[in-house]
């Protein structure tokens, strides 16, 4: 009856005071000559999709974006570490999250994991900024695994099965997140979602997407 509890990071575990946008905009400007629209919403998106969406809006083709994607993300990570170290952008662990993670980690029938649009090194950096050890999470699925968030739950499921050494039904995955994308992304494998209104969406907005809780 093991369940795998997969936490989103931004808006669910922590708030990073805009460090992600502060990091991606100079990286985009360096490789594309534009930082994209300041009105574009990052929440619920993978890092790769953010780059693609913003640069498509600026008229770049997918081929042009693909050719520069790895370089942009590498530069983004450099800027992200600087932004997270800025006292004016101090990342904050959201209330109650620390004890919740402790409880999940300690439970015999739960496996603690991540499911986030952050590339893996971005996830590591953001958790470190709130003094959460990345290695506490037994498994994860990241924006570096796939650009499409709906493809991350199958990745997490496969990794959970490898970790446990046995088959695991998709409904054993519980995704905790703060956006409609978190609610919808796991439905293809039968995962259930717990929506939390600690990010940019209200309880009412999230409830309209029919999360399990």
C-alpha atoms as a PDB file:
ATOM      1  CA  UNK A   1       0.000   0.000   0.000  1.00  0.00           C
ATOM      2  CA  UNK A   2       2.996   2.277  -0.427  1.00  0.00           C
ATOM      3  CA  UNK A   3       2.247   5.751  -1.740  1.00  0.00           C
ATOM      4  CA  UNK A   4       4.752   8.051  -3.418  1.00  0.00           C
ATOM      5  CA  UNK A   5       4.225  11.689  -2.414  1.00  0.00           C
ATOM      6  CA  UNK A   6       5.558  14.059  -5.067  1.00  0.00           C
ATOM      7  CA  UNK A   7       5.974  17.701  -4.124  1.00  0.00           C
ATOM      8  CA  UNK A   8       6.140  20.585  -6.559  1.00  0.00           C
ATOM      9  CA  UNK A   9       8.720  23.200  -5.507  1.00  0.00           C
ATOM     10  CA  UNK A  10       7.809  26.780  -6.483  1.00  0.00           C
ATOM     11  CA  UNK A  11       4.680  27.976  -4.720  1.00  0.00           C
ATOM     12  CA  UNK A  12       4.312  24.633  -2.923  1.00  0.00           C
ATOM     13  CA  UNK A  13       7.482  24.054  -0.897  1.00  0.00           C
ATOM     14  CA  UNK A  14       8.875  27.553  -1.146  1.00  0.00           C
ATOM     15  CA  UNK A  15       8.676  31.052  -2.569  1.00  0.00           C
ATOM     16  CA  UNK A  16      11.851  32.331  -4.221  1.00  0.00           C
ATOM     17  CA  UNK A  17      10.957  36.037  -4.550  1.00  0.00           C
ATOM     18  CA  UNK A  18      11.130  36.040  -8.334  1.00  0.00           C
ATOM     19  CA  UNK A  19      14.583  34.466  -8.557  1.00  0.00           C
ATOM     20  CA  UNK A  20      13.555  32.295 -11.504  1.00  0.00           C
ATOM     21  CA  UNK A  21      12.456  35.216 -13.652  1.00  0.00           C
ATOM     22  CA  UNK A  22      15.471  37.252 -12.541  1.00  0.00           C
ATOM     23  CA  UNK A  23      17.675  34.390 -13.751  1.00  0.00           C
ATOM     24  CA  UNK A  24      15.989  33.415 -17.022  1.00  0.00           C
ATOM     25  CA  UNK A  25      15.553  36.927 -18.429  1.00  0.00           C
ATOM     26  CA  UNK A  26      19.280  37.779 -18.720  1.00  0.00           C
ATOM     27  CA  UNK A  27      19.961  34.297 -20.129  1.00  0.00           C
ATOM     28  CA  UNK A  28      17.302  34.811 -22.811  1.00  0.00           C
ATOM     29  CA  UNK A  29      18.598  38.285 -23.565  1.00  0.00           C
ATOM     30  CA  UNK A  30      22.127  36.943 -24.009  1.00  0.00           C
ATOM     31  CA  UNK A  31      21.167  34.207 -26.484  1.00  0.00           C
ATOM     32  CA  UNK A  32      18.081  35.665 -28.177  1.00  0.00           C
ATOM     33  CA  UNK A  33      18.460  39.408 -27.738  1.00  0.00           C
ATOM     34  CA  UNK A  34      15.178  39.697 -25.839  1.00  0.00           C
ATOM     35  CA  UNK A  35      13.949  38.726 -22.376  1.00  0.00           C
ATOM     36  CA  UNK A  36      10.409  38.043 -23.577  1.00  0.00           C
ATOM     37  CA  UNK A  37       7.131  39.333 -22.202  1.00  0.00           C
ATOM     38  CA  UNK A  38       7.101  40.362 -18.520  1.00  0.00           C
ATOM     39  CA  UNK A  39       3.431  39.300 -18.359  1.00  0.00           C
ATOM     40  CA  UNK A  40       4.123  35.644 -19.194  1.00  0.00           C
ATOM     41  CA  UNK A  41       3.215  33.358 -16.249  1.00  0.00           C
ATOM     42  CA  UNK A  42       5.854  30.848 -15.170  1.00  0.00           C
ATOM     43  CA  UNK A  43       3.772  28.889 -12.651  1.00  0.00           C
ATOM     44  CA  UNK A  44       2.954  25.335 -13.690  1.00  0.00           C
ATOM     45  CA  UNK A  45       5.431  25.378 -16.590  1.00  0.00           C
ATOM     46  CA  UNK A  46       8.668  23.466 -17.045  1.00  0.00           C
ATOM     47  CA  UNK A  47      11.838  25.511 -17.508  1.00  0.00           C
ATOM     48  CA  UNK A  48      12.162  24.328 -21.105  1.00  0.00           C
ATOM     49  CA  UNK A  49       8.558  25.228 -21.901  1.00  0.00           C
ATOM     50  CA  UNK A  50       9.080  28.693 -20.427  1.00  0.00           C
ATOM     51  CA  UNK A  51      11.996  29.273 -22.796  1.00  0.00           C
ATOM     52  CA  UNK A  52      10.043  27.893 -25.764  1.00  0.00           C
ATOM     53  CA  UNK A  53       6.822  29.786 -25.097  1.00  0.00           C
ATOM     54  CA  UNK A  54       8.525  33.111 -24.464  1.00  0.00           C
ATOM     55  CA  UNK A  55      10.742  32.903 -27.526  1.00  0.00           C
ATOM     56  CA  UNK A  56       7.943  31.671 -29.787  1.00  0.00           C
ATOM     57  CA  UNK A  57       6.070  34.822 -28.768  1.00  0.00           C
ATOM     58  CA  UNK A  58       9.106  36.798 -29.952  1.00  0.00           C
ATOM     59  CA  UNK A  59       8.987  35.134 -33.383  1.00  0.00           C
ATOM     60  CA  UNK A  60      11.707  32.505 -33.052  1.00  0.00           C
ATOM     61  CA  UNK A  61      11.212  29.084 -34.633  1.00  0.00           C
ATOM     62  CA  UNK A  62      11.371  25.838 -32.689  1.00  0.00           C
ATOM     63  CA  UNK A  63      14.572  24.951 -34.535  1.00  0.00           C
ATOM     64  CA  UNK A  64      16.190  28.207 -33.397  1.00  0.00           C
ATOM     65  CA  UNK A  65      14.992  27.645 -29.840  1.00  0.00           C
ATOM     66  CA  UNK A  66      16.181  24.033 -29.750  1.00  0.00           C
ATOM     67  CA  UNK A  67      19.626  25.030 -31.000  1.00  0.00           C
ATOM     68  CA  UNK A  68      20.079  27.412 -28.056  1.00  0.00           C
ATOM     69  CA  UNK A  69      18.093  25.627 -25.334  1.00  0.00           C
ATOM     70  CA  UNK A  70      20.977  23.900 -23.557  1.00  0.00           C
ATOM     71  CA  UNK A  71      23.113  27.029 -23.534  1.00  0.00           C
ATOM     72  CA  UNK A  72      20.242  29.164 -22.227  1.00  0.00           C
ATOM     73  CA  UNK A  73      19.493  26.748 -19.400  1.00  0.00           C
ATOM     74  CA  UNK A  74      23.151  26.476 -18.424  1.00  0.00           C
ATOM     75  CA  UNK A  75      23.385  30.257 -18.253  1.00  0.00           C
ATOM     76  CA  UNK A  76      20.068  30.396 -16.394  1.00  0.00           C
ATOM     77  CA  UNK A  77      21.486  28.138 -13.681  1.00  0.00           C
ATOM     78  CA  UNK A  78      24.459  30.451 -13.247  1.00  0.00           C
ATOM     79  CA  UNK A  79      22.155  33.448 -12.851  1.00  0.00           C
ATOM     80  CA  UNK A  80      19.819  31.468 -10.566  1.00  0.00           C
ATOM     81  CA  UNK A  81      22.558  30.713  -8.045  1.00  0.00           C
ATOM     82  CA  UNK A  82      23.435  34.409  -7.944  1.00  0.00           C
ATOM     83  CA  UNK A  83      19.789  35.460  -7.577  1.00  0.00           C
ATOM     84  CA  UNK A  84      19.147  32.979  -4.765  1.00  0.00           C
ATOM     85  CA  UNK A  85      22.193  34.282  -2.893  1.00  0.00           C
ATOM     86  CA  UNK A  86      20.902  37.872  -3.066  1.00  0.00           C
ATOM     87  CA  UNK A  87      19.598  38.899   0.391  1.00  0.00           C
ATOM     88  CA  UNK A  88      16.912  40.962  -1.340  1.00  0.00           C
ATOM     89  CA  UNK A  89      15.534  37.759  -2.898  1.00  0.00           C
ATOM     90  CA  UNK A  90      15.650  35.526   0.146  1.00  0.00           C
ATOM     91  CA  UNK A  91      13.774  32.294  -0.561  1.00  0.00           C
ATOM     92  CA  UNK A  92      11.188  31.299   2.049  1.00  0.00           C
ATOM     93  CA  UNK A  93      10.056  27.845   3.092  1.00  0.00           C
ATOM     94  CA  UNK A  94       6.266  27.977   3.218  1.00  0.00           C
ATOM     95  CA  UNK A  95       4.581  27.507   6.615  1.00  0.00           C
ATOM     96  CA  UNK A  96       3.988  23.895   7.625  1.00  0.00           C
ATOM     97  CA  UNK A  97       6.045  22.430   4.797  1.00  0.00           C
ATOM     98  CA  UNK A  98       9.027  21.455   6.940  1.00  0.00           C
ATOM     99  CA  UNK A  99       6.986  19.331   9.384  1.00  0.00           C
ATOM    100  CA  UNK A 100       4.976  17.855   6.502  1.00  0.00           C
ATOM    101  CA  UNK A 101       8.123  16.741   4.676  1.00  0.00           C
ATOM    102  CA  UNK A 102       9.481  15.329   7.952  1.00  0.00           C
ATOM    103  CA  UNK A 103       6.276  13.336   8.456  1.00  0.00           C
ATOM    104  CA  UNK A 104       6.218  11.948   4.914  1.00  0.00           C
ATOM    105  CA  UNK A 105       9.890  11.010   5.125  1.00  0.00           C
ATOM    106  CA  UNK A 106       9.366   9.210   8.441  1.00  0.00           C
ATOM    107  CA  UNK A 107       6.261   7.241   7.409  1.00  0.00           C
ATOM    108  CA  UNK A 108       6.886   3.576   6.602  1.00  0.00           C
ATOM    109  CA  UNK A 109       4.237   3.500   3.871  1.00  0.00           C
ATOM    110  CA  UNK A 110       5.222   6.738   2.098  1.00  0.00           C
ATOM    111  CA  UNK A 111       8.073   7.611  -0.262  1.00  0.00           C
ATOM    112  CA  UNK A 112       9.133  11.262  -0.415  1.00  0.00           C
ATOM    113  CA  UNK A 113       9.704  12.658  -3.896  1.00  0.00           C
ATOM    114  CA  UNK A 114       9.595  15.677  -6.189  1.00  0.00           C
ATOM    115  CA  UNK A 115       7.683  16.477  -9.355  1.00  0.00           C
ATOM    116  CA  UNK A 116       8.690  19.895 -10.621  1.00  0.00           C
ATOM    117  CA  UNK A 117       9.122  21.893 -13.787  1.00  0.00           C
ATOM    118  CA  UNK A 118      12.566  22.939 -12.594  1.00  0.00           C
ATOM    119  CA  UNK A 119      15.537  21.322 -14.271  1.00  0.00           C
ATOM    120  CA  UNK A 120      17.217  19.094 -11.726  1.00  0.00           C
ATOM    121  CA  UNK A 121      20.062  21.476 -10.849  1.00  0.00           C
ATOM    122  CA  UNK A 122      17.588  24.335 -10.475  1.00  0.00           C
ATOM    123  CA  UNK A 123      15.554  22.191  -8.082  1.00  0.00           C
ATOM    124  CA  UNK A 124      18.678  21.427  -6.091  1.00  0.00           C
ATOM    125  CA  UNK A 125      19.630  25.116  -5.873  1.00  0.00           C
ATOM    126  CA  UNK A 126      16.174  26.267  -4.779  1.00  0.00           C
ATOM    127  CA  UNK A 127      15.899  23.630  -2.065  1.00  0.00           C
ATOM    128  CA  UNK A 128      19.362  24.509  -0.793  1.00  0.00           C
ATOM    129  CA  UNK A 129      18.247  28.142  -0.521  1.00  0.00           C
ATOM    130  CA  UNK A 130      15.732  27.108   2.168  1.00  0.00           C
ATOM    131  CA  UNK A 131      18.091  24.596   3.806  1.00  0.00           C
ATOM    132  CA  UNK A 132      16.318  21.514   2.476  1.00  0.00           C
ATOM    133  CA  UNK A 133      18.682  18.742   1.444  1.00  0.00           C
ATOM    134  CA  UNK A 134      17.980  17.558  -2.089  1.00  0.00           C
ATOM    135  CA  UNK A 135      19.028  14.020  -1.140  1.00  0.00           C
ATOM    136  CA  UNK A 136      16.133  13.707   1.318  1.00  0.00           C
ATOM    137  CA  UNK A 137      13.873  13.185  -1.696  1.00  0.00           C
ATOM    138  CA  UNK A 138      14.168   9.539  -2.689  1.00  0.00           C
ATOM    139  CA  UNK A 139      13.197  10.190  -6.300  1.00  0.00           C
ATOM    140  CA  UNK A 140      12.047  12.930  -8.602  1.00  0.00           C
ATOM    141  CA  UNK A 141      10.856  13.908 -12.039  1.00  0.00           C
ATOM    142  CA  UNK A 142      12.110  17.231 -13.381  1.00  0.00           C
ATOM    143  CA  UNK A 143      11.794  19.717 -16.188  1.00  0.00           C
ATOM    144  CA  UNK A 144      15.094  18.368 -17.462  1.00  0.00           C
ATOM    145  CA  UNK A 145      13.393  14.980 -17.997  1.00  0.00           C
ATOM    146  CA  UNK A 146      10.728  16.345 -20.335  1.00  0.00           C
ATOM    147  CA  UNK A 147       9.403  19.692 -21.530  1.00  0.00           C
ATOM    148  CA  UNK A 148       5.778  18.545 -21.195  1.00  0.00           C
ATOM    149  CA  UNK A 149       4.717  18.381 -17.546  1.00  0.00           C
ATOM    150  CA  UNK A 150       2.219  15.613 -18.309  1.00  0.00           C
ATOM    151  CA  UNK A 151       5.175  13.373 -19.169  1.00  0.00           C
ATOM    152  CA  UNK A 152       6.733  13.762 -15.714  1.00  0.00           C
ATOM    153  CA  UNK A 153       4.370  11.476 -13.723  1.00  0.00           C
ATOM    154  CA  UNK A 154       5.258   8.459 -15.933  1.00  0.00           C
ATOM    155  CA  UNK A 155       8.922   9.255 -15.274  1.00  0.00           C
ATOM    156  CA  UNK A 156       8.262   9.428 -11.527  1.00  0.00           C
ATOM    157  CA  UNK A 157       6.272   6.179 -11.641  1.00  0.00           C
ATOM    158  CA  UNK A 158       9.083   4.344 -13.450  1.00  0.00           C
ATOM    159  CA  UNK A 159      11.633   5.635 -10.948  1.00  0.00           C
ATOM    160  CA  UNK A 160       9.429   4.660  -8.016  1.00  0.00           C
ATOM    161  CA  UNK A 161       9.080   1.136  -9.395  1.00  0.00           C
ATOM    162  CA  UNK A 162      12.844   0.887  -9.820  1.00  0.00           C
ATOM    163  CA  UNK A 163      13.402   2.177  -6.285  1.00  0.00           C
ATOM    164  CA  UNK A 164      10.892  -0.228  -4.724  1.00  0.00           C
ATOM    165  CA  UNK A 165      11.827  -3.135  -6.951  1.00  0.00           C
ATOM    166  CA  UNK A 166       8.243  -3.959  -7.850  1.00  0.00           C
ATOM    167  CA  UNK A 167       5.287  -2.818  -9.920  1.00  0.00           C
ATOM    168  CA  UNK A 168       3.343   0.162  -8.636  1.00  0.00           C
ATOM    169  CA  UNK A 169      -0.059   1.348  -9.819  1.00  0.00           C
ATOM    170  CA  UNK A 170      -0.352   4.952 -10.954  1.00  0.00           C
ATOM    171  CA  UNK A 171      -2.937   5.703  -8.278  1.00  0.00           C
ATOM    172  CA  UNK A 172      -0.194   5.192  -5.700  1.00  0.00           C
ATOM    173  CA  UNK A 173       1.244   8.555  -6.792  1.00  0.00           C
ATOM    174  CA  UNK A 174       0.061  11.644  -4.918  1.00  0.00           C
ATOM    175  CA  UNK A 175       1.064  14.971  -6.475  1.00  0.00           C
ATOM    176  CA  UNK A 176       1.053  18.060  -4.263  1.00  0.00           C
ATOM    177  CA  UNK A 177       1.131  21.351  -6.139  1.00  0.00           C
ATOM    178  CA  UNK A 178      -0.210  24.878  -6.416  1.00  0.00           C
ATOM    179  CA  UNK A 179      -1.318  25.114 -10.055  1.00  0.00           C
ATOM    180  CA  UNK A 180      -3.916  23.557 -12.357  1.00  0.00           C
ATOM    181  CA  UNK A 181      -1.005  21.922 -14.200  1.00  0.00           C
ATOM    182  CA  UNK A 182      -0.135  20.017 -11.023  1.00  0.00           C
ATOM    183  CA  UNK A 183      -3.736  18.830 -10.758  1.00  0.00           C
ATOM    184  CA  UNK A 184      -3.984  17.660 -14.373  1.00  0.00           C
ATOM    185  CA  UNK A 185      -0.513  16.327 -15.140  1.00  0.00           C
ATOM    186  CA  UNK A 186      -0.846  12.953 -13.427  1.00  0.00           C
ATOM    187  CA  UNK A 187      -4.268  11.950 -14.671  1.00  0.00           C
ATOM    188  CA  UNK A 188      -2.809   9.976 -17.555  1.00  0.00           C
ATOM    189  CA  UNK A 189      -1.326   7.461 -15.098  1.00  0.00           C
ATOM    190  CA  UNK A 190      -4.159   7.675 -12.562  1.00  0.00           C
ATOM    191  CA  UNK A 191      -2.258   9.772 -10.023  1.00  0.00           C
ATOM    192  CA  UNK A 192      -4.196  11.850  -7.523  1.00  0.00           C
ATOM    193  CA  UNK A 193      -3.487  15.498  -6.803  1.00  0.00           C
ATOM    194  CA  UNK A 194      -3.678  17.596  -3.669  1.00  0.00           C
ATOM    195  CA  UNK A 195      -3.926  21.258  -4.647  1.00  0.00           C
ATOM    196  CA  UNK A 196      -2.558  23.918  -2.296  1.00  0.00           C
ATOM    197  CA  UNK A 197      -3.406  27.610  -2.601  1.00  0.00           C
ATOM    198  CA  UNK A 198       0.052  28.820  -1.561  1.00  0.00           C
ATOM    199  CA  UNK A 199       1.057  29.992  -5.039  1.00  0.00           C
ATOM    200  CA  UNK A 200      -0.686  32.122  -7.630  1.00  0.00           C
ATOM    201  CA  UNK A 201      -4.089  30.375  -7.667  1.00  0.00           C
ATOM    202  CA  UNK A 202      -6.905  30.608  -5.144  1.00  0.00           C
ATOM    203  CA  UNK A 203      -8.729  27.694  -3.518  1.00  0.00           C
ATOM    204  CA  UNK A 204     -11.716  28.404  -5.758  1.00  0.00           C
ATOM    205  CA  UNK A 205      -9.616  28.442  -8.944  1.00  0.00           C
ATOM    206  CA  UNK A 206      -7.919  25.181  -8.019  1.00  0.00           C
ATOM    207  CA  UNK A 207     -11.164  23.546  -6.939  1.00  0.00           C
ATOM    208  CA  UNK A 208     -12.615  24.152 -10.397  1.00  0.00           C
ATOM    209  CA  UNK A 209     -10.043  21.662 -11.750  1.00  0.00           C
ATOM    210  CA  UNK A 210     -11.340  18.902  -9.439  1.00  0.00           C
ATOM    211  CA  UNK A 211      -8.258  17.827  -7.515  1.00  0.00           C
ATOM    212  CA  UNK A 212      -8.610  14.841  -5.175  1.00  0.00           C
ATOM    213  CA  UNK A 213      -8.292  17.312  -2.297  1.00  0.00           C
END
